[in-house]
Amino acid sequence: MAFLKPSSRAAARASGVVASFLHVDAAVDAIRALRAKGYRDLVVYTPAPNHEIEEALEHKVSPVRLLTLIGGLTGCTAGFAMTIWMSYDWPLVVGGKAIASIPPYVVIGFELTILMGALSTVAAVALFSVLMGKRGTPYDPRFSDDAIGIFVPTASDQLGPIEQLLRSAGAVEVRHETA
């Protein structure tokens, strides 16, 4: 499975600042302060999902849902087109009924909608996660236990102001990560 190997870009680690927080409010304040300063590509680790952090990050909507919709509509169209084409190509006239009767074809249209929607979702997830690759971000096992981690990818000349901002927001630990 050579196509699933991470690219060289994905293998490289990003450099920046990692901060640990013990309280959600402090982490949310730090995220809002960083976003106000123009930092958008933040990586946040939390031990459990937190809606306040999600709102502070203001993530864009995933493009996977659009590709799922396109796949589903393609499947529905293909299902109806295939059954109608087959009916006219090999007609079975029974009791004077119409050759292309839509109600029985709903089942095939529905099945192909689900099939193509699911396949396009799997393909989109593979495209946007595995194949696009992201630079590795630093991780601390405490981020899965009791701490909240924020990684700010940045150049080495901006480390000082970011470190001060994170400490003033209530970071317990701030460390530099280099590529």
N, C-alpha and C. Protein backbone atom coordinates (compact mmCIF):
# COMPACT_ATOMS: atom_id res chain seq x y z
N MET A 1 0.83 -1.18 0.00
CA MET A 1 0.00 0.00 0.00
C MET A 1 0.87 1.25 0.00
N ALA A 2 1.58 1.43 -1.07
CA ALA A 2 2.49 2.55 -1.18
C ALA A 2 1.76 3.88 -1.22
N PHE A 3 0.52 3.89 -1.71
CA PHE A 3 -0.20 5.15 -1.82
C PHE A 3 -0.64 5.69 -0.47
N LEU A 4 -0.59 4.90 0.60
CA LEU A 4 -1.00 5.37 1.92
C LEU A 4 0.17 5.85 2.77
N LYS A 5 1.40 5.73 2.25
CA LYS A 5 2.55 6.21 2.99
C LYS A 5 2.50 7.73 3.06
N PRO A 6 2.83 8.31 4.22
CA PRO A 6 2.81 9.76 4.31
C PRO A 6 3.87 10.38 3.42
N SER A 7 3.55 11.53 2.88
CA SER A 7 4.49 12.22 2.02
C SER A 7 5.63 12.79 2.86
N SER A 8 6.67 13.24 2.20
CA SER A 8 7.80 13.82 2.92
C SER A 8 7.37 15.08 3.65
N ARG A 9 6.38 15.76 3.10
CA ARG A 9 5.87 16.96 3.76
C ARG A 9 5.18 16.60 5.06
N ALA A 10 4.47 15.47 5.08
CA ALA A 10 3.76 15.05 6.28
C ALA A 10 4.73 14.56 7.35
N ALA A 11 5.88 14.03 6.94
CA ALA A 11 6.82 13.47 7.90
C ALA A 11 7.58 14.57 8.64
N ALA A 12 7.75 15.73 8.04
CA ALA A 12 8.48 16.82 8.67
C ALA A 12 7.66 17.40 9.82
N ARG A 13 8.36 17.76 10.88
CA ARG A 13 7.67 18.35 12.02
C ARG A 13 7.61 19.86 11.86
N ALA A 14 6.54 20.43 12.32
CA ALA A 14 6.38 21.87 12.28
C ALA A 14 7.09 22.48 13.49
N SER A 15 7.59 23.69 13.33
CA SER A 15 8.21 24.37 14.46
C SER A 15 7.26 25.44 14.97
N GLY A 16 7.33 25.68 16.27
CA GLY A 16 6.45 26.67 16.87
C GLY A 16 6.49 26.60 18.39
N VAL A 17 5.38 26.96 19.02
CA VAL A 17 5.28 27.02 20.47
C VAL A 17 4.16 26.10 20.92
N VAL A 18 4.44 25.31 21.97
CA VAL A 18 3.43 24.43 22.57
C VAL A 18 3.17 24.92 23.99
N ALA A 19 1.90 25.11 24.32
CA ALA A 19 1.52 25.56 25.66
C ALA A 19 0.54 24.57 26.28
N SER A 20 0.68 24.35 27.59
CA SER A 20 -0.23 23.47 28.33
C SER A 20 -1.08 24.30 29.26
N PHE A 21 -2.37 24.00 29.28
CA PHE A 21 -3.32 24.68 30.15
C PHE A 21 -4.06 23.65 30.98
N LEU A 22 -4.39 24.02 32.23
CA LEU A 22 -5.16 23.12 33.08
C LEU A 22 -6.64 23.47 33.09
N HIS A 23 -6.98 24.69 32.69
CA HIS A 23 -8.37 25.13 32.74
C HIS A 23 -8.85 25.53 31.34
N VAL A 24 -10.08 25.19 31.05
CA VAL A 24 -10.66 25.47 29.73
C VAL A 24 -10.75 26.97 29.49
N ASP A 25 -11.15 27.72 30.49
CA ASP A 25 -11.31 29.17 30.32
C ASP A 25 -9.99 29.83 29.90
N ALA A 26 -8.90 29.41 30.51
CA ALA A 26 -7.59 29.98 30.16
C ALA A 26 -7.22 29.61 28.73
N ALA A 27 -7.50 28.38 28.34
CA ALA A 27 -7.18 27.95 26.97
C ALA A 27 -8.03 28.72 25.95
N VAL A 28 -9.31 28.91 26.25
CA VAL A 28 -10.19 29.66 25.35
C VAL A 28 -9.72 31.11 25.23
N ASP A 29 -9.33 31.71 26.35
CA ASP A 29 -8.80 33.08 26.30
C ASP A 29 -7.54 33.16 25.45
N ALA A 30 -6.67 32.16 25.58
CA ALA A 30 -5.44 32.14 24.78
C ALA A 30 -5.76 31.99 23.29
N ILE A 31 -6.70 31.12 22.97
CA ILE A 31 -7.08 30.92 21.56
C ILE A 31 -7.65 32.20 20.98
N ARG A 32 -8.52 32.85 21.72
CA ARG A 32 -9.12 34.11 21.23
C ARG A 32 -8.05 35.19 21.06
N ALA A 33 -7.11 35.26 22.00
CA ALA A 33 -6.04 36.26 21.90
C ALA A 33 -5.14 35.97 20.69
N LEU A 34 -4.83 34.70 20.47
CA LEU A 34 -4.00 34.34 19.31
C LEU A 34 -4.72 34.64 18.00
N ARG A 35 -6.00 34.34 17.94
CA ARG A 35 -6.76 34.62 16.72
C ARG A 35 -6.89 36.13 16.49
N ALA A 36 -6.98 36.90 17.57
CA ALA A 36 -7.04 38.36 17.43
C ALA A 36 -5.72 38.91 16.88
N LYS A 37 -4.62 38.23 17.21
CA LYS A 37 -3.30 38.65 16.70
C LYS A 37 -3.04 38.16 15.28
N GLY A 38 -3.96 37.34 14.73
CA GLY A 38 -3.82 36.91 13.34
C GLY A 38 -3.34 35.48 13.15
N TYR A 39 -3.19 34.73 14.22
CA TYR A 39 -2.77 33.33 14.09
C TYR A 39 -4.00 32.46 13.85
N ARG A 40 -4.03 31.79 12.71
CA ARG A 40 -5.21 31.01 12.32
C ARG A 40 -4.98 29.50 12.33
N ASP A 41 -3.74 29.07 12.13
CA ASP A 41 -3.46 27.64 11.97
C ASP A 41 -3.08 27.01 13.31
N LEU A 42 -3.96 27.10 14.29
CA LEU A 42 -3.70 26.56 15.62
C LEU A 42 -4.10 25.10 15.68
N VAL A 43 -3.35 24.33 16.47
CA VAL A 43 -3.71 22.94 16.74
C VAL A 43 -3.97 22.83 18.23
N VAL A 44 -5.16 22.35 18.60
CA VAL A 44 -5.54 22.26 20.00
C VAL A 44 -5.83 20.81 20.35
N TYR A 45 -5.24 20.35 21.45
CA TYR A 45 -5.49 19.00 21.97
C TYR A 45 -6.26 19.11 23.27
N THR A 46 -7.34 18.36 23.39
CA THR A 46 -8.12 18.33 24.62
C THR A 46 -8.41 16.88 24.99
N PRO A 47 -8.54 16.60 26.29
CA PRO A 47 -8.85 15.23 26.70
C PRO A 47 -10.28 14.82 26.34
N ALA A 48 -11.16 15.78 26.15
CA ALA A 48 -12.55 15.49 25.79
C ALA A 48 -13.05 16.63 24.90
N PRO A 49 -14.06 16.37 24.07
CA PRO A 49 -14.59 17.45 23.22
C PRO A 49 -15.10 18.62 24.07
N ASN A 50 -14.86 19.82 23.58
CA ASN A 50 -15.29 21.01 24.31
C ASN A 50 -15.82 22.03 23.31
N HIS A 51 -17.08 22.41 23.48
CA HIS A 51 -17.72 23.31 22.52
C HIS A 51 -17.18 24.73 22.60
N GLU A 52 -16.75 25.17 23.77
CA GLU A 52 -16.19 26.51 23.89
C GLU A 52 -14.91 26.64 23.05
N ILE A 53 -14.09 25.61 23.08
CA ILE A 53 -12.85 25.63 22.31
C ILE A 53 -13.16 25.58 20.82
N GLU A 54 -14.14 24.76 20.43
CA GLU A 54 -14.53 24.67 19.02
C GLU A 54 -15.02 26.02 18.50
N GLU A 55 -15.81 26.72 19.31
CA GLU A 55 -16.31 28.04 18.90
C GLU A 55 -15.17 29.04 18.81
N ALA A 56 -14.22 28.97 19.72
CA ALA A 56 -13.09 29.92 19.70
C ALA A 56 -12.20 29.68 18.49
N LEU A 57 -12.07 28.43 18.04
CA LEU A 57 -11.22 28.12 16.89
C LEU A 57 -11.85 28.56 15.57
N GLU A 58 -13.17 28.61 15.50
CA GLU A 58 -13.90 29.04 14.29
C GLU A 58 -13.42 28.28 13.05
N HIS A 59 -13.45 26.95 13.13
CA HIS A 59 -13.02 26.14 11.99
C HIS A 59 -13.99 26.27 10.82
N LYS A 60 -13.44 26.12 9.61
CA LYS A 60 -14.27 26.12 8.41
C LYS A 60 -15.04 24.81 8.34
N VAL A 61 -16.11 24.82 7.58
CA VAL A 61 -16.90 23.62 7.37
C VAL A 61 -16.11 22.66 6.48
N SER A 62 -16.18 21.39 6.79
CA SER A 62 -15.42 20.38 6.05
C SER A 62 -15.94 20.26 4.62
N PRO A 63 -15.04 20.16 3.63
CA PRO A 63 -15.47 19.98 2.24
C PRO A 63 -15.96 18.57 1.95
N VAL A 64 -15.83 17.66 2.91
CA VAL A 64 -16.25 16.27 2.70
C VAL A 64 -17.76 16.20 2.48
N ARG A 65 -18.52 17.03 3.19
CA ARG A 65 -19.98 16.96 3.04
C ARG A 65 -20.44 17.33 1.64
N LEU A 66 -19.76 18.26 0.99
CA LEU A 66 -20.12 18.62 -0.38
C LEU A 66 -19.86 17.45 -1.33
N LEU A 67 -18.72 16.78 -1.15
CA LEU A 67 -18.41 15.64 -2.00
C LEU A 67 -19.36 14.47 -1.74
N THR A 68 -19.83 14.32 -0.50
CA THR A 68 -20.83 13.30 -0.20
C THR A 68 -22.13 13.61 -0.92
N LEU A 69 -22.54 14.86 -0.90
CA LEU A 69 -23.77 15.27 -1.59
C LEU A 69 -23.64 15.03 -3.09
N ILE A 70 -22.51 15.41 -3.66
CA ILE A 70 -22.30 15.19 -5.10
C ILE A 70 -22.35 13.70 -5.43
N GLY A 71 -21.70 12.88 -4.61
CA GLY A 71 -21.73 11.44 -4.82
C GLY A 71 -23.13 10.87 -4.71
N GLY A 72 -23.90 11.33 -3.72
CA GLY A 72 -25.28 10.86 -3.56
C GLY A 72 -26.16 11.25 -4.72
N LEU A 73 -26.06 12.50 -5.17
CA LEU A 73 -26.86 12.93 -6.32
C LEU A 73 -26.46 12.19 -7.59
N THR A 74 -25.17 11.94 -7.74
CA THR A 74 -24.70 11.16 -8.90
C THR A 74 -25.26 9.75 -8.85
N GLY A 75 -25.26 9.14 -7.68
CA GLY A 75 -25.81 7.79 -7.54
C GLY A 75 -27.29 7.73 -7.82
N CYS A 76 -28.03 8.72 -7.32
CA CYS A 76 -29.48 8.76 -7.56
C CYS A 76 -29.77 8.92 -9.06
N THR A 77 -29.08 9.85 -9.68
CA THR A 77 -29.27 10.06 -11.12
C THR A 77 -28.89 8.81 -11.91
N ALA A 78 -27.78 8.20 -11.55
CA ALA A 78 -27.34 6.99 -12.25
C ALA A 78 -28.32 5.85 -12.05
N GLY A 79 -28.88 5.73 -10.85
CA GLY A 79 -29.85 4.66 -10.57
C GLY A 79 -31.10 4.78 -11.42
N PHE A 80 -31.67 5.98 -11.45
CA PHE A 80 -32.87 6.18 -12.27
C PHE A 80 -32.56 6.07 -13.76
N ALA A 81 -31.45 6.66 -14.19
CA ALA A 81 -31.10 6.60 -15.62
C ALA A 81 -30.85 5.16 -16.06
N MET A 82 -30.16 4.39 -15.23
CA MET A 82 -29.85 3.01 -15.58
C MET A 82 -31.13 2.17 -15.71
N THR A 83 -32.04 2.30 -14.75
CA THR A 83 -33.25 1.48 -14.80
C THR A 83 -34.17 1.90 -15.95
N ILE A 84 -34.29 3.18 -16.20
CA ILE A 84 -35.14 3.64 -17.31
C ILE A 84 -34.53 3.21 -18.64
N TRP A 85 -33.22 3.34 -18.78
CA TRP A 85 -32.55 2.91 -20.01
C TRP A 85 -32.74 1.41 -20.24
N MET A 86 -32.60 0.62 -19.18
CA MET A 86 -32.78 -0.83 -19.32
C MET A 86 -34.22 -1.18 -19.69
N SER A 87 -35.18 -0.43 -19.15
CA SER A 87 -36.59 -0.70 -19.47
C SER A 87 -36.88 -0.44 -20.93
N TYR A 88 -36.32 0.62 -21.47
CA TYR A 88 -36.57 0.93 -22.88
C TYR A 88 -35.73 0.07 -23.82
N ASP A 89 -34.56 -0.37 -23.36
CA ASP A 89 -33.72 -1.20 -24.21
C ASP A 89 -34.24 -2.64 -24.28
N TRP A 90 -34.79 -3.15 -23.18
CA TRP A 90 -35.37 -4.50 -23.15
C TRP A 90 -36.79 -4.41 -22.58
N PRO A 91 -37.75 -3.94 -23.36
CA PRO A 91 -39.10 -3.71 -22.82
C PRO A 91 -39.83 -5.02 -22.51
N LEU A 92 -40.51 -5.00 -21.36
CA LEU A 92 -41.40 -6.09 -20.97
C LEU A 92 -42.78 -5.47 -20.76
N VAL A 93 -43.59 -5.49 -21.78
CA VAL A 93 -44.92 -4.91 -21.70
C VAL A 93 -45.84 -5.95 -21.06
N VAL A 94 -46.34 -5.63 -19.87
CA VAL A 94 -47.20 -6.55 -19.13
C VAL A 94 -48.50 -5.83 -18.80
N GLY A 95 -49.59 -6.33 -19.32
CA GLY A 95 -50.91 -5.80 -18.99
C GLY A 95 -51.10 -4.35 -19.37
N GLY A 96 -50.41 -3.84 -20.36
CA GLY A 96 -50.59 -2.47 -20.81
C GLY A 96 -49.97 -1.42 -19.90
N LYS A 97 -49.13 -1.83 -18.96
CA LYS A 97 -48.48 -0.86 -18.07
C LYS A 97 -47.40 -0.10 -18.82
N ALA A 98 -47.06 1.05 -18.31
CA ALA A 98 -46.00 1.86 -18.93
C ALA A 98 -44.67 1.12 -18.87
N ILE A 99 -43.86 1.33 -19.89
CA ILE A 99 -42.57 0.64 -19.92
C ILE A 99 -41.66 1.17 -18.81
N ALA A 100 -41.60 2.48 -18.67
CA ALA A 100 -40.77 3.08 -17.62
C ALA A 100 -41.68 3.53 -16.49
N SER A 101 -41.86 2.69 -15.51
CA SER A 101 -42.69 3.00 -14.36
C SER A 101 -41.77 3.41 -13.21
N ILE A 102 -41.88 4.63 -12.77
CA ILE A 102 -40.93 5.21 -11.82
C ILE A 102 -40.98 4.57 -10.42
N PRO A 103 -42.13 4.29 -9.82
CA PRO A 103 -42.13 3.79 -8.43
C PRO A 103 -41.22 2.59 -8.16
N PRO A 104 -41.15 1.57 -9.01
CA PRO A 104 -40.23 0.47 -8.68
C PRO A 104 -38.76 0.88 -8.78
N TYR A 105 -38.47 1.93 -9.52
CA TYR A 105 -37.09 2.34 -9.71
C TYR A 105 -36.56 3.15 -8.53
N VAL A 106 -37.45 3.56 -7.64
CA VAL A 106 -37.03 4.32 -6.46
C VAL A 106 -36.07 3.49 -5.61
N VAL A 107 -36.32 2.19 -5.53
CA VAL A 107 -35.46 1.31 -4.72
C VAL A 107 -34.03 1.33 -5.27
N ILE A 108 -33.89 1.17 -6.58
CA ILE A 108 -32.56 1.17 -7.20
C ILE A 108 -31.91 2.55 -7.05
N GLY A 109 -32.69 3.60 -7.26
CA GLY A 109 -32.16 4.96 -7.09
C GLY A 109 -31.68 5.20 -5.67
N PHE A 110 -32.46 4.73 -4.68
CA PHE A 110 -32.07 4.89 -3.27
C PHE A 110 -30.79 4.11 -2.98
N GLU A 111 -30.72 2.88 -3.44
CA GLU A 111 -29.54 2.05 -3.17
C GLU A 111 -28.28 2.67 -3.77
N LEU A 112 -28.37 3.15 -5.00
CA LEU A 112 -27.19 3.77 -5.61
C LEU A 112 -26.86 5.12 -4.98
N THR A 113 -27.86 5.82 -4.46
CA THR A 113 -27.60 7.06 -3.72
C THR A 113 -26.74 6.77 -2.50
N ILE A 114 -27.13 5.76 -1.72
CA ILE A 114 -26.38 5.40 -0.52
C ILE A 114 -24.99 4.89 -0.89
N LEU A 115 -24.91 4.02 -1.90
CA LEU A 115 -23.62 3.46 -2.30
C LEU A 115 -22.65 4.54 -2.76
N MET A 116 -23.08 5.39 -3.68
CA MET A 116 -22.19 6.41 -4.21
C MET A 116 -21.87 7.48 -3.16
N GLY A 117 -22.84 7.80 -2.30
CA GLY A 117 -22.58 8.74 -1.21
C GLY A 117 -21.52 8.21 -0.26
N ALA A 118 -21.63 6.93 0.10
CA ALA A 118 -20.65 6.33 1.01
C ALA A 118 -19.27 6.23 0.36
N LEU A 119 -19.22 5.80 -0.89
CA LEU A 119 -17.93 5.69 -1.57
C LEU A 119 -17.26 7.05 -1.75
N SER A 120 -18.05 8.07 -2.08
CA SER A 120 -17.46 9.40 -2.24
C SER A 120 -17.01 9.97 -0.89
N THR A 121 -17.70 9.61 0.19
CA THR A 121 -17.27 10.05 1.52
C THR A 121 -15.92 9.42 1.88
N VAL A 122 -15.79 8.13 1.65
CA VAL A 122 -14.52 7.46 1.94
C VAL A 122 -13.40 8.06 1.09
N ALA A 123 -13.68 8.29 -0.18
CA ALA A 123 -12.66 8.89 -1.06
C ALA A 123 -12.29 10.30 -0.61
N ALA A 124 -13.28 11.09 -0.19
CA ALA A 124 -13.01 12.46 0.25
C ALA A 124 -12.21 12.48 1.54
N VAL A 125 -12.54 11.60 2.48
CA VAL A 125 -11.79 11.53 3.73
C VAL A 125 -10.34 11.13 3.44
N ALA A 126 -10.15 10.16 2.55
CA ALA A 126 -8.79 9.76 2.19
C ALA A 126 -8.05 10.91 1.52
N LEU A 127 -8.73 11.62 0.65
CA LEU A 127 -8.10 12.73 -0.06
C LEU A 127 -7.69 13.85 0.90
N PHE A 128 -8.61 14.24 1.79
CA PHE A 128 -8.35 15.40 2.64
C PHE A 128 -7.54 15.08 3.89
N SER A 129 -7.40 13.83 4.26
CA SER A 129 -6.62 13.54 5.46
C SER A 129 -5.33 12.81 5.16
N VAL A 130 -5.40 11.69 4.49
CA VAL A 130 -4.21 10.87 4.27
C VAL A 130 -3.34 11.45 3.16
N LEU A 131 -3.94 11.73 2.03
CA LEU A 131 -3.15 12.12 0.87
C LEU A 131 -2.65 13.56 0.92
N MET A 132 -3.40 14.46 1.54
CA MET A 132 -2.97 15.85 1.61
C MET A 132 -1.79 16.01 2.57
N GLY A 133 -1.79 15.27 3.64
CA GLY A 133 -0.69 15.30 4.59
C GLY A 133 -0.56 16.64 5.30
N LYS A 134 -0.27 16.59 6.58
CA LYS A 134 -0.04 17.78 7.37
C LYS A 134 1.28 17.60 8.10
N ARG A 135 1.92 18.68 8.36
CA ARG A 135 3.17 18.58 9.10
C ARG A 135 2.87 18.05 10.50
N GLY A 136 3.76 17.22 11.00
CA GLY A 136 3.57 16.65 12.33
C GLY A 136 3.58 17.74 13.39
N THR A 137 2.68 17.64 14.33
CA THR A 137 2.62 18.62 15.41
C THR A 137 3.03 17.94 16.71
N PRO A 138 3.68 18.68 17.60
CA PRO A 138 4.11 18.11 18.87
C PRO A 138 2.92 17.67 19.71
N TYR A 139 3.12 16.61 20.45
CA TYR A 139 2.05 16.06 21.28
C TYR A 139 2.64 15.65 22.62
N ASP A 140 1.87 15.84 23.66
CA ASP A 140 2.26 15.46 25.01
C ASP A 140 1.17 14.52 25.54
N PRO A 141 1.52 13.40 26.13
CA PRO A 141 0.49 12.47 26.64
C PRO A 141 -0.46 13.09 27.66
N ARG A 142 -0.04 14.17 28.32
CA ARG A 142 -0.94 14.83 29.28
C ARG A 142 -2.16 15.43 28.60
N PHE A 143 -2.05 15.70 27.28
CA PHE A 143 -3.19 16.28 26.56
C PHE A 143 -4.34 15.30 26.44
N SER A 144 -4.09 14.02 26.69
CA SER A 144 -5.16 13.02 26.69
C SER A 144 -5.64 12.70 28.09
N ASP A 145 -5.02 13.31 29.10
CA ASP A 145 -5.37 13.01 30.48
C ASP A 145 -6.08 14.17 31.16
N ASP A 146 -5.34 15.24 31.44
CA ASP A 146 -5.94 16.33 32.20
C ASP A 146 -5.56 17.73 31.71
N ALA A 147 -4.72 17.83 30.71
CA ALA A 147 -4.27 19.14 30.24
C ALA A 147 -4.82 19.44 28.85
N ILE A 148 -4.84 20.72 28.53
CA ILE A 148 -5.25 21.18 27.21
C ILE A 148 -4.00 21.76 26.55
N GLY A 149 -3.72 21.33 25.35
CA GLY A 149 -2.52 21.79 24.67
C GLY A 149 -2.86 22.64 23.46
N ILE A 150 -2.08 23.69 23.27
CA ILE A 150 -2.22 24.56 22.10
C ILE A 150 -0.87 24.64 21.42
N PHE A 151 -0.85 24.31 20.13
CA PHE A 151 0.37 24.43 19.34
C PHE A 151 0.18 25.55 18.34
N VAL A 152 1.13 26.50 18.34
CA VAL A 152 1.08 27.63 17.43
C VAL A 152 2.27 27.52 16.48
N PRO A 153 2.04 27.12 15.23
CA PRO A 153 3.16 27.06 14.28
C PRO A 153 3.60 28.47 13.91
N THR A 154 4.88 28.74 14.04
CA THR A 154 5.37 30.08 13.76
C THR A 154 6.87 30.05 13.47
N ALA A 155 7.36 31.12 12.92
CA ALA A 155 8.79 31.27 12.66
C ALA A 155 9.52 31.56 13.97
N SER A 156 10.82 31.33 13.97
CA SER A 156 11.59 31.47 15.21
C SER A 156 11.69 32.92 15.70
N ASP A 157 11.50 33.90 14.82
CA ASP A 157 11.60 35.29 15.26
C ASP A 157 10.35 35.76 16.00
N GLN A 158 9.27 35.01 15.96
CA GLN A 158 8.03 35.41 16.64
C GLN A 158 7.76 34.59 17.90
N LEU A 159 8.72 33.81 18.34
CA LEU A 159 8.49 32.94 19.50
C LEU A 159 8.28 33.73 20.79
N GLY A 160 9.04 34.79 20.99
CA GLY A 160 8.95 35.57 22.23
C GLY A 160 7.57 36.16 22.49
N PRO A 161 7.00 36.92 21.55
CA PRO A 161 5.68 37.50 21.79
C PRO A 161 4.59 36.44 21.99
N ILE A 162 4.68 35.34 21.27
CA ILE A 162 3.66 34.29 21.43
C ILE A 162 3.79 33.65 22.80
N GLU A 163 5.03 33.41 23.23
CA GLU A 163 5.25 32.82 24.55
C GLU A 163 4.70 33.73 25.65
N GLN A 164 4.94 35.03 25.55
CA GLN A 164 4.41 35.97 26.54
C GLN A 164 2.89 35.98 26.53
N LEU A 165 2.30 35.95 25.35
CA LEU A 165 0.84 35.96 25.25
C LEU A 165 0.24 34.71 25.90
N LEU A 166 0.85 33.55 25.65
CA LEU A 166 0.34 32.30 26.23
C LEU A 166 0.52 32.27 27.74
N ARG A 167 1.66 32.76 28.23
CA ARG A 167 1.88 32.79 29.68
C ARG A 167 0.90 33.75 30.36
N SER A 168 0.64 34.90 29.73
CA SER A 168 -0.30 35.86 30.33
C SER A 168 -1.73 35.33 30.31
N ALA A 169 -2.03 34.40 29.40
CA ALA A 169 -3.37 33.81 29.35
C ALA A 169 -3.55 32.71 30.39
N GLY A 170 -2.45 32.25 31.01
CA GLY A 170 -2.57 31.25 32.06
C GLY A 170 -1.96 29.91 31.73
N ALA A 171 -1.01 29.88 30.81
CA ALA A 171 -0.37 28.61 30.46
C ALA A 171 0.49 28.11 31.61
N VAL A 172 0.40 26.83 31.91
CA VAL A 172 1.19 26.22 32.96
C VAL A 172 2.62 25.98 32.47
N GLU A 173 2.73 25.57 31.22
CA GLU A 173 4.04 25.29 30.63
C GLU A 173 4.04 25.77 29.18
N VAL A 174 5.12 26.41 28.78
CA VAL A 174 5.29 26.84 27.39
C VAL A 174 6.67 26.38 26.94
N ARG A 175 6.72 25.70 25.80
CA ARG A 175 8.01 25.25 25.29
C ARG A 175 8.08 25.47 23.78
N HIS A 176 9.31 25.59 23.30
CA HIS A 176 9.56 25.79 21.87
C HIS A 176 9.79 24.44 21.21
N GLU A 177 9.23 24.27 20.03
CA GLU A 177 9.47 23.07 19.21
C GLU A 177 10.12 23.52 17.92
N THR A 178 11.20 22.87 17.56
CA THR A 178 11.87 23.21 16.31
C THR A 178 11.74 22.06 15.33
N ALA A 179 11.75 22.40 14.05
CA ALA A 179 11.57 21.38 13.00
C ALA A 179 12.76 20.46 12.92
